[in-house]
Amino acid sequence: MKIGTWNVTSLTGKEFELIEEAKKYQLDILGISSTKRKGQGTLALNNGWQLFYSGVDQSTHAQAGVAILLNPLLADAVLEWKPINERVALIRLQLKATTLTIIQVYAPNIEADYMAFLDTVLTAMESVPMKDFILFLGDFNAHLPSKETDIELEWFLFRTALMEAAAEACGTKQIGFQHGQKKTAWWNEQVRKAISEKKTAYRQWIQRQTPENWQNY
């Protein structure tokens, strides 16, 4: 299976081009950022391709938008499509014996909006069933460090919180098969609880950057 991601800077009128690019690279799944498409739903495209999209309502100016394009061969694999907002959406797919959850994201460029975005991403992740494998696609809009912004620090803390919570709860494991036995996936109830606690401590530290809050984090 081949999976890709693309920041299209507006999807309007580009649906045919999108399919052609997916065919060119033989993609089964394509995560799309910056669609500028309003509304939420599913669009049937040429030859069985499906576009799942999530954006703002029709009365709001579109500045972001996320979507997922699926190959016709995956038409019957969709278990759930969950559009959250114009920057985060998830889709669950049943791929033979494996259930895959893809979380498609498009982060804001504005520092003041970044914390709320990260919180939404973590909340989406917490909603994923224990048995699912999780894959992130999209654009986290990394910023070069500067004296005026600490977005890089916020992203570092977010990433660290996620990885540390997983490692503390169940260690690090390689997903796959070894000697005919499937290894245990890291996403379980312990990890979910640890991430929730980390998220709370992280939010408190961002709001009040005191030594006590840093220690708790």
Protein backbone atom coordinates (compact mmCIF):
# COMPACT_ATOMS: atom_id res chain seq x y z
CA MET A 1 0.00 0.00 0.00
CA LYS A 2 1.27 3.47 -0.93
CA ILE A 3 0.32 6.55 1.07
CA GLY A 4 1.14 10.18 0.34
CA THR A 5 0.41 13.71 1.55
CA TRP A 6 0.09 16.96 -0.41
CA ASN A 7 -0.41 20.63 0.46
CA VAL A 8 -2.45 21.77 -2.53
CA THR A 9 -3.02 25.44 -1.54
CA SER A 10 -6.65 25.18 -2.76
CA LEU A 11 -8.41 22.18 -4.23
CA THR A 12 -11.00 24.13 -6.21
CA GLY A 13 -11.10 22.83 -9.76
CA LYS A 14 -8.13 20.51 -9.18
CA GLU A 15 -10.00 17.27 -8.53
CA PHE A 16 -9.04 15.74 -11.90
CA GLU A 17 -5.39 16.76 -11.44
CA LEU A 18 -5.46 15.27 -7.95
CA ILE A 19 -6.55 11.87 -9.25
CA GLU A 20 -3.98 11.95 -12.05
CA GLU A 21 -1.18 12.66 -9.56
CA ALA A 22 -2.38 9.85 -7.30
CA LYS A 23 -2.36 7.47 -10.28
CA LYS A 24 1.06 8.69 -11.37
CA TYR A 25 2.59 7.75 -8.02
CA GLN A 26 0.34 4.69 -7.63
CA LEU A 27 -1.10 5.98 -4.36
CA ASP A 28 -3.86 4.20 -2.48
CA ILE A 29 -4.37 6.98 0.07
CA LEU A 30 -3.57 10.67 -0.27
CA GLY A 31 -3.84 13.10 2.64
CA ILE A 32 -4.53 16.65 1.49
CA SER A 33 -3.89 19.95 3.28
CA SER A 34 -5.00 23.52 2.55
CA THR A 35 -7.97 22.52 0.38
CA LYS A 36 -9.88 25.79 0.95
CA ARG A 37 -13.01 23.66 0.49
CA LYS A 38 -16.05 24.57 2.57
CA GLY A 39 -18.35 22.13 4.33
CA GLN A 40 -17.87 18.52 5.37
CA GLY A 41 -18.70 15.36 3.53
CA THR A 42 -17.80 12.85 0.84
CA LEU A 43 -17.46 13.48 -2.87
CA ALA A 44 -17.60 10.73 -5.51
CA LEU A 45 -15.03 11.47 -8.21
CA ASN A 46 -14.18 9.83 -11.54
CA ASN A 47 -13.79 6.06 -11.79
CA GLY A 48 -14.66 5.33 -8.18
CA TRP A 49 -12.18 7.63 -6.43
CA GLN A 50 -13.58 9.12 -3.21
CA LEU A 51 -12.76 12.45 -1.58
CA PHE A 52 -13.50 12.87 2.13
CA TYR A 53 -13.25 16.54 3.09
CA SER A 54 -13.55 18.74 6.18
CA GLY A 55 -13.70 22.53 6.16
CA VAL A 56 -15.48 25.56 7.55
CA ASP A 57 -19.20 26.16 7.12
CA GLN A 58 -20.48 27.88 3.99
CA SER A 59 -20.76 31.30 5.65
CA THR A 60 -17.12 31.41 6.79
CA HIS A 61 -14.07 32.41 4.76
CA ALA A 62 -12.03 29.27 4.03
CA GLN A 63 -8.38 29.51 5.08
CA ALA A 64 -7.44 25.87 5.64
CA GLY A 65 -9.30 22.64 4.92
CA VAL A 66 -8.21 18.99 5.02
CA ALA A 67 -9.20 15.98 2.95
CA ILE A 68 -8.35 12.36 2.22
CA LEU A 69 -8.48 10.82 -1.25
CA LEU A 70 -9.08 7.07 -1.46
CA ASN A 71 -8.32 4.68 -4.29
CA PRO A 72 -11.44 2.88 -5.65
CA LEU A 73 -10.02 -0.39 -4.30
CA LEU A 74 -10.58 0.95 -0.76
CA ALA A 75 -14.21 1.92 -1.30
CA ASP A 76 -15.48 -0.84 0.98
CA ALA A 77 -12.74 -0.43 3.59
CA VAL A 78 -14.12 2.73 5.23
CA LEU A 79 -15.41 2.14 8.76
CA GLU A 80 -15.76 5.75 9.86
CA TRP A 81 -15.19 9.27 8.55
CA LYS A 82 -14.92 11.88 11.29
CA PRO A 83 -14.49 15.49 10.13
CA ILE A 84 -13.55 17.54 13.20
CA ASN A 85 -12.82 21.00 11.84
CA GLU A 86 -10.97 22.66 8.97
CA ARG A 87 -7.61 21.53 10.37
CA VAL A 88 -8.17 18.03 11.73
CA ALA A 89 -10.10 15.01 10.46
CA LEU A 90 -9.77 11.26 10.80
CA ILE A 91 -10.79 8.21 8.85
CA ARG A 92 -10.82 4.56 9.94
CA LEU A 93 -10.14 1.81 7.43
CA GLN A 94 -10.42 -1.96 7.73
CA LEU A 95 -7.44 -3.39 5.86
CA LYS A 96 -7.84 -7.17 6.10
CA ALA A 97 -7.01 -8.00 9.74
CA THR A 98 -5.71 -4.50 10.51
CA THR A 99 -7.74 -1.42 11.42
CA LEU A 100 -5.94 1.77 10.43
CA THR A 101 -6.88 5.24 11.67
CA ILE A 102 -5.46 8.13 9.65
CA ILE A 103 -5.46 11.57 11.27
CA GLN A 104 -5.09 14.27 8.63
CA VAL A 105 -3.91 17.66 9.88
CA TYR A 106 -3.11 21.15 8.66
CA ALA A 107 -1.55 23.34 11.34
CA PRO A 108 -2.09 27.11 11.56
CA ASN A 109 0.69 29.59 10.86
CA ILE A 110 -0.53 31.91 13.60
CA GLU A 111 1.12 31.29 16.95
CA ALA A 112 -1.98 32.22 18.95
CA ASP A 113 -3.96 29.43 17.24
CA TYR A 114 -1.34 26.71 17.54
CA MET A 115 -2.08 25.57 21.08
CA ALA A 116 -5.76 24.99 20.30
CA PHE A 117 -4.75 23.04 17.20
CA LEU A 118 -2.44 20.73 19.14
CA ASP A 119 -5.14 20.20 21.74
CA THR A 120 -7.59 19.17 18.99
CA VAL A 121 -5.06 16.72 17.56
CA LEU A 122 -4.52 15.06 20.93
CA THR A 123 -8.27 14.90 21.56
CA ALA A 124 -8.76 13.23 18.18
CA MET A 125 -6.06 10.73 19.03
CA GLU A 126 -7.67 9.93 22.38
CA SER A 127 -10.88 8.99 20.54
CA VAL A 128 -9.19 6.25 18.50
CA PRO A 129 -10.11 2.67 19.53
CA MET A 130 -7.40 0.68 21.27
CA LYS A 131 -6.98 -1.91 18.53
CA ASP A 132 -6.31 0.60 15.76
CA PHE A 133 -2.97 1.49 14.23
CA ILE A 134 -2.58 5.29 13.98
CA LEU A 135 -0.99 7.23 11.13
CA PHE A 136 -0.59 11.01 11.01
CA LEU A 137 -0.64 12.76 7.63
CA GLY A 138 -0.54 16.43 6.72
CA ASP A 139 1.32 19.62 7.41
CA PHE A 140 2.33 20.63 10.94
CA ASN A 141 3.72 23.92 9.57
CA ALA A 142 7.07 23.88 11.34
CA HIS A 143 8.52 27.34 11.96
CA LEU A 144 12.10 28.51 12.05
CA PRO A 145 13.00 29.62 15.58
CA SER A 146 12.99 33.36 16.19
CA LYS A 147 12.96 35.77 19.10
CA GLU A 148 9.33 36.61 18.41
CA THR A 149 7.84 33.10 18.55
CA ASP A 150 8.03 29.94 20.60
CA ILE A 151 5.94 27.72 18.29
CA GLU A 152 8.95 25.45 17.79
CA LEU A 153 9.11 24.99 21.56
CA GLU A 154 5.39 24.21 21.71
CA TRP A 155 5.72 21.63 18.93
CA PHE A 156 8.75 20.08 20.64
CA LEU A 157 6.82 19.79 23.90
CA PHE A 158 3.80 18.31 22.13
CA ARG A 159 5.92 15.70 20.34
CA THR A 160 7.89 14.90 23.49
CA ALA A 161 4.71 14.52 25.55
CA LEU A 162 3.27 12.10 23.02
CA MET A 163 6.38 9.93 22.72
CA GLU A 164 7.22 9.95 26.43
CA ALA A 165 3.67 8.99 27.37
CA ALA A 166 3.79 6.02 25.02
CA ALA A 167 7.24 4.93 26.17
CA GLU A 168 6.42 5.28 29.88
CA ALA A 169 3.20 3.32 29.55
CA CYS A 170 4.44 0.30 27.63
CA GLY A 171 7.97 0.82 26.39
CA THR A 172 8.97 0.87 22.75
CA LYS A 173 7.99 -1.98 20.46
CA GLN A 174 8.34 -2.68 16.78
CA ILE A 175 4.98 -3.31 15.14
CA GLY A 176 4.85 -6.32 12.88
CA PHE A 177 5.45 -10.04 12.97
CA GLN A 178 8.30 -12.01 14.43
CA HIS A 179 8.54 -15.80 14.40
CA GLY A 180 4.90 -15.94 13.32
CA GLN A 181 3.64 -13.95 16.32
CA LYS A 182 2.17 -10.47 16.04
CA LYS A 183 3.81 -7.98 18.41
CA THR A 184 1.81 -5.79 20.76
CA ALA A 185 0.85 -2.34 19.47
CA TRP A 186 1.77 0.64 21.66
CA TRP A 187 -1.66 2.32 21.48
CA ASN A 188 -3.62 1.05 24.49
CA GLU A 189 -5.55 2.31 27.52
CA GLN A 190 -2.39 3.02 29.51
CA VAL A 191 -1.02 5.19 26.73
CA ARG A 192 -4.35 6.97 26.30
CA LYS A 193 -4.41 7.83 30.02
CA ALA A 194 -0.77 8.92 30.06
CA ILE A 195 -1.28 11.17 27.03
CA SER A 196 -4.34 12.73 28.64
CA GLU A 197 -2.36 13.52 31.79
CA LYS A 198 0.55 14.88 29.76
CA LYS A 199 -1.83 17.03 27.74
CA THR A 200 -3.32 18.55 30.88
CA ALA A 201 0.10 19.31 32.35
CA TYR A 202 1.29 20.69 29.02
CA ARG A 203 -1.71 23.03 28.77
CA GLN A 204 -1.15 24.30 32.31
CA TRP A 205 2.52 24.99 31.60
CA ILE A 206 1.74 26.88 28.36
CA GLN A 207 -0.82 29.02 30.18
CA ARG A 208 1.45 29.70 33.18
CA GLN A 209 5.12 29.00 32.62
CA THR A 210 6.07 28.63 36.27
CA PRO A 211 8.74 26.30 37.71
CA GLU A 212 6.01 24.30 39.45
CA ASN A 213 4.03 23.74 36.25
CA TRP A 214 7.22 22.80 34.42
CA GLN A 215 8.04 20.23 37.11
CA ASN A 216 4.54 18.78 36.90
CA TYR A 217 4.87 18.53 33.14
